[in-house]
């Protein structure tokens, strides 16, 4: 009898969820939980390049670019490392 391997949960992140996370808006706690759990290897996260571009554009336009440079690096690190 063949067994089916357990598959990790997967999430496709939307740019506005990430922006809400950065600015402490509604839903921040849920996304923070997803990011931390994904970092431990229990979730797979996906973000398409268009949404990544929206995050970079919106975050840098809304606030001081220097302050958010580290946030953008964090998002890229969590998703791709």
N, C-alpha and C. Protein backbone atom coordinates (compact mmCIF):
# COMPACT_ATOMS: atom_id res chain seq x y z
N UNK A 1 0.83 -1.17 0.00
CA UNK A 1 0.00 0.00 0.00
C UNK A 1 0.89 1.24 0.00
N UNK A 2 0.58 2.17 -0.89
CA UNK A 2 1.36 3.39 -1.00
C UNK A 2 0.80 4.45 -0.05
N UNK A 3 1.70 5.16 0.64
CA UNK A 3 1.26 6.22 1.54
C UNK A 3 1.45 7.58 0.87
N UNK A 4 0.62 8.50 1.25
CA UNK A 4 0.70 9.85 0.70
C UNK A 4 1.49 10.71 1.68
N UNK A 5 2.54 11.39 1.19
CA UNK A 5 3.33 12.23 2.10
C UNK A 5 2.52 13.43 2.56
N UNK A 6 2.82 13.89 3.78
CA UNK A 6 2.15 15.08 4.29
C UNK A 6 2.66 16.29 3.54
N UNK A 7 1.74 17.13 3.14
CA UNK A 7 2.09 18.32 2.37
C UNK A 7 1.95 19.55 3.27
N UNK A 8 2.95 20.40 3.23
CA UNK A 8 2.92 21.62 4.04
C UNK A 8 1.86 22.56 3.49
N UNK A 9 1.27 23.35 4.38
CA UNK A 9 0.33 24.38 3.94
C UNK A 9 1.06 25.39 3.09
N UNK A 10 0.36 25.96 2.15
CA UNK A 10 0.93 26.97 1.29
C UNK A 10 0.06 28.22 1.31
N UNK A 11 0.71 29.36 1.25
CA UNK A 11 0.02 30.64 1.19
C UNK A 11 0.60 31.45 0.04
N UNK A 12 -0.27 32.10 -0.71
CA UNK A 12 0.16 33.06 -1.72
C UNK A 12 -0.11 34.43 -1.11
N UNK A 13 0.95 35.18 -0.91
CA UNK A 13 0.82 36.48 -0.25
C UNK A 13 0.41 37.56 -1.25
N UNK A 14 -0.45 38.42 -0.79
CA UNK A 14 -0.89 39.57 -1.57
C UNK A 14 -0.09 40.79 -1.12
N UNK A 15 0.14 41.69 -2.03
CA UNK A 15 0.94 42.87 -1.69
C UNK A 15 0.29 43.68 -0.57
N UNK A 16 -1.02 43.77 -0.57
CA UNK A 16 -1.67 44.60 0.45
C UNK A 16 -1.61 43.97 1.84
N UNK A 17 -1.52 42.66 1.91
CA UNK A 17 -1.33 42.00 3.21
C UNK A 17 0.03 42.36 3.78
N UNK A 18 1.04 42.38 2.94
CA UNK A 18 2.39 42.72 3.39
C UNK A 18 2.48 44.19 3.77
N UNK A 19 1.83 45.06 3.00
CA UNK A 19 1.82 46.48 3.30
C UNK A 19 1.08 46.73 4.63
N UNK A 20 -0.03 46.04 4.84
CA UNK A 20 -0.78 46.16 6.10
C UNK A 20 0.09 45.71 7.27
N UNK A 21 0.86 44.66 7.06
CA UNK A 21 1.77 44.17 8.09
C UNK A 21 2.80 45.25 8.44
N UNK A 22 3.36 45.86 7.44
CA UNK A 22 4.40 46.88 7.66
C UNK A 22 3.86 48.07 8.43
N UNK A 23 2.61 48.47 8.14
CA UNK A 23 2.08 49.68 8.75
C UNK A 23 1.15 49.40 9.93
N UNK A 24 1.13 48.16 10.42
CA UNK A 24 0.38 47.83 11.62
C UNK A 24 -1.13 47.89 11.45
N UNK A 25 -1.60 47.64 10.26
CA UNK A 25 -3.03 47.70 9.99
C UNK A 25 -3.71 46.38 10.33
N UNK A 26 -5.03 46.34 10.16
CA UNK A 26 -5.81 45.15 10.46
C UNK A 26 -5.27 43.94 9.69
N UNK A 27 -5.15 42.81 10.38
CA UNK A 27 -4.63 41.60 9.78
C UNK A 27 -3.15 41.38 10.02
N UNK A 28 -2.50 42.36 10.63
CA UNK A 28 -1.05 42.27 10.87
C UNK A 28 -0.70 41.04 11.68
N UNK A 29 -1.48 40.75 12.73
CA UNK A 29 -1.18 39.62 13.61
C UNK A 29 -1.24 38.29 12.87
N UNK A 30 -2.22 38.14 11.99
CA UNK A 30 -2.36 36.89 11.24
C UNK A 30 -1.17 36.70 10.29
N UNK A 31 -0.79 37.76 9.60
CA UNK A 31 0.34 37.64 8.68
C UNK A 31 1.63 37.39 9.45
N UNK A 32 1.78 38.02 10.61
CA UNK A 32 2.98 37.78 11.42
C UNK A 32 3.06 36.31 11.83
N UNK A 33 1.93 35.73 12.21
CA UNK A 33 1.89 34.31 12.57
C UNK A 33 2.27 33.43 11.38
N UNK A 34 1.76 33.77 10.21
CA UNK A 34 2.08 33.00 9.00
C UNK A 34 3.56 33.12 8.67
N UNK A 35 4.13 34.33 8.76
CA UNK A 35 5.55 34.52 8.45
C UNK A 35 6.45 33.74 9.41
N UNK A 36 6.12 33.79 10.69
CA UNK A 36 6.95 33.08 11.67
C UNK A 36 6.85 31.56 11.49
N UNK A 37 5.65 31.08 11.22
CA UNK A 37 5.47 29.65 11.01
C UNK A 37 6.16 29.20 9.73
N UNK A 38 6.10 30.03 8.70
CA UNK A 38 6.79 29.70 7.45
C UNK A 38 8.29 29.66 7.65
N UNK A 39 8.79 30.55 8.47
CA UNK A 39 10.23 30.58 8.72
C UNK A 39 10.70 29.29 9.38
N UNK A 40 9.83 28.67 10.18
CA UNK A 40 10.19 27.41 10.83
C UNK A 40 10.05 26.22 9.89
N UNK A 41 9.58 26.46 8.67
CA UNK A 41 9.51 25.40 7.67
C UNK A 41 8.17 24.70 7.58
N UNK A 42 7.16 25.18 8.30
CA UNK A 42 5.86 24.52 8.28
C UNK A 42 4.92 25.01 7.19
N UNK A 43 5.17 26.17 6.64
CA UNK A 43 4.34 26.72 5.56
C UNK A 43 5.24 27.05 4.38
N UNK A 44 4.67 26.97 3.20
CA UNK A 44 5.33 27.47 2.00
C UNK A 44 4.69 28.80 1.66
N UNK A 45 5.49 29.81 1.38
CA UNK A 45 4.98 31.12 1.01
C UNK A 45 5.36 31.43 -0.43
N UNK A 46 4.42 32.08 -1.12
CA UNK A 46 4.66 32.47 -2.50
C UNK A 46 4.25 33.93 -2.66
N UNK A 47 4.98 34.63 -3.49
CA UNK A 47 4.67 36.02 -3.82
C UNK A 47 5.14 36.24 -5.24
N UNK A 48 4.24 36.68 -6.11
CA UNK A 48 4.69 36.89 -7.49
C UNK A 48 5.45 38.21 -7.60
N UNK A 49 6.19 38.36 -8.65
CA UNK A 49 7.08 39.52 -8.79
C UNK A 49 6.31 40.82 -8.91
N UNK A 50 5.12 40.79 -9.49
CA UNK A 50 4.32 42.01 -9.60
C UNK A 50 3.92 42.49 -8.22
N UNK A 51 3.47 41.56 -7.35
CA UNK A 51 3.12 41.95 -5.99
C UNK A 51 4.35 42.43 -5.21
N UNK A 52 5.49 41.82 -5.43
CA UNK A 52 6.71 42.28 -4.78
C UNK A 52 7.02 43.71 -5.21
N UNK A 53 6.86 44.00 -6.48
CA UNK A 53 7.05 45.37 -6.97
C UNK A 53 6.09 46.35 -6.34
N UNK A 54 4.82 45.93 -6.16
CA UNK A 54 3.83 46.79 -5.50
C UNK A 54 4.23 47.07 -4.05
N UNK A 55 4.74 46.06 -3.37
CA UNK A 55 5.17 46.25 -1.99
C UNK A 55 6.31 47.27 -1.93
N UNK A 56 7.30 47.09 -2.76
CA UNK A 56 8.45 48.00 -2.76
C UNK A 56 8.01 49.42 -3.09
N UNK A 57 7.17 49.57 -4.11
CA UNK A 57 6.70 50.91 -4.52
C UNK A 57 5.87 51.56 -3.43
N UNK A 58 4.90 50.84 -2.88
CA UNK A 58 4.02 51.43 -1.86
C UNK A 58 4.76 51.76 -0.57
N UNK A 59 5.61 50.87 -0.13
CA UNK A 59 6.32 51.10 1.13
C UNK A 59 7.28 52.27 0.99
N UNK A 60 7.98 52.34 -0.11
CA UNK A 60 8.94 53.44 -0.27
C UNK A 60 8.24 54.77 -0.53
N UNK A 61 7.05 54.75 -1.13
CA UNK A 61 6.32 56.00 -1.37
C UNK A 61 5.64 56.53 -0.11
N UNK A 62 5.22 55.64 0.79
CA UNK A 62 4.48 56.06 1.97
C UNK A 62 5.35 56.61 3.08
N UNK A 63 6.59 56.18 3.14
CA UNK A 63 7.44 56.59 4.26
C UNK A 63 8.86 56.83 3.79
N UNK A 64 9.70 57.09 4.74
CA UNK A 64 11.11 57.30 4.48
C UNK A 64 11.72 56.02 3.92
N UNK A 65 12.33 56.12 2.76
CA UNK A 65 12.90 54.95 2.08
C UNK A 65 13.91 54.22 2.95
N UNK A 66 14.77 54.96 3.63
CA UNK A 66 15.81 54.33 4.44
C UNK A 66 15.23 53.44 5.54
N UNK A 67 14.18 53.91 6.21
CA UNK A 67 13.58 53.13 7.28
C UNK A 67 12.98 51.83 6.78
N UNK A 68 12.49 51.82 5.56
CA UNK A 68 11.81 50.65 5.04
C UNK A 68 12.69 49.75 4.19
N UNK A 69 13.90 50.17 3.95
CA UNK A 69 14.84 49.34 3.20
C UNK A 69 15.02 48.00 3.90
N UNK A 70 15.14 48.01 5.22
CA UNK A 70 15.33 46.77 5.97
C UNK A 70 14.09 45.91 5.96
N UNK A 71 12.91 46.53 5.94
CA UNK A 71 11.67 45.76 5.83
C UNK A 71 11.61 45.02 4.50
N UNK A 72 11.97 45.69 3.43
CA UNK A 72 11.95 45.06 2.10
C UNK A 72 12.93 43.90 2.06
N UNK A 73 14.10 44.07 2.62
CA UNK A 73 15.08 42.99 2.68
C UNK A 73 14.53 41.83 3.50
N UNK A 74 13.84 42.15 4.61
CA UNK A 74 13.22 41.10 5.44
C UNK A 74 12.21 40.30 4.64
N UNK A 75 11.34 40.98 3.90
CA UNK A 75 10.32 40.28 3.10
C UNK A 75 10.99 39.37 2.08
N UNK A 76 11.97 39.87 1.39
CA UNK A 76 12.67 39.06 0.39
C UNK A 76 13.38 37.88 1.05
N UNK A 77 14.00 38.11 2.20
CA UNK A 77 14.69 37.04 2.91
C UNK A 77 13.73 35.94 3.35
N UNK A 78 12.60 36.33 3.93
CA UNK A 78 11.62 35.34 4.40
C UNK A 78 11.08 34.53 3.23
N UNK A 79 10.86 35.17 2.11
CA UNK A 79 10.25 34.47 0.98
C UNK A 79 11.23 33.62 0.18
N UNK A 80 12.45 34.04 0.08
CA UNK A 80 13.36 33.37 -0.85
C UNK A 80 14.54 32.65 -0.22
N UNK A 81 14.70 32.75 1.08
CA UNK A 81 15.84 32.07 1.73
C UNK A 81 15.36 30.91 2.55
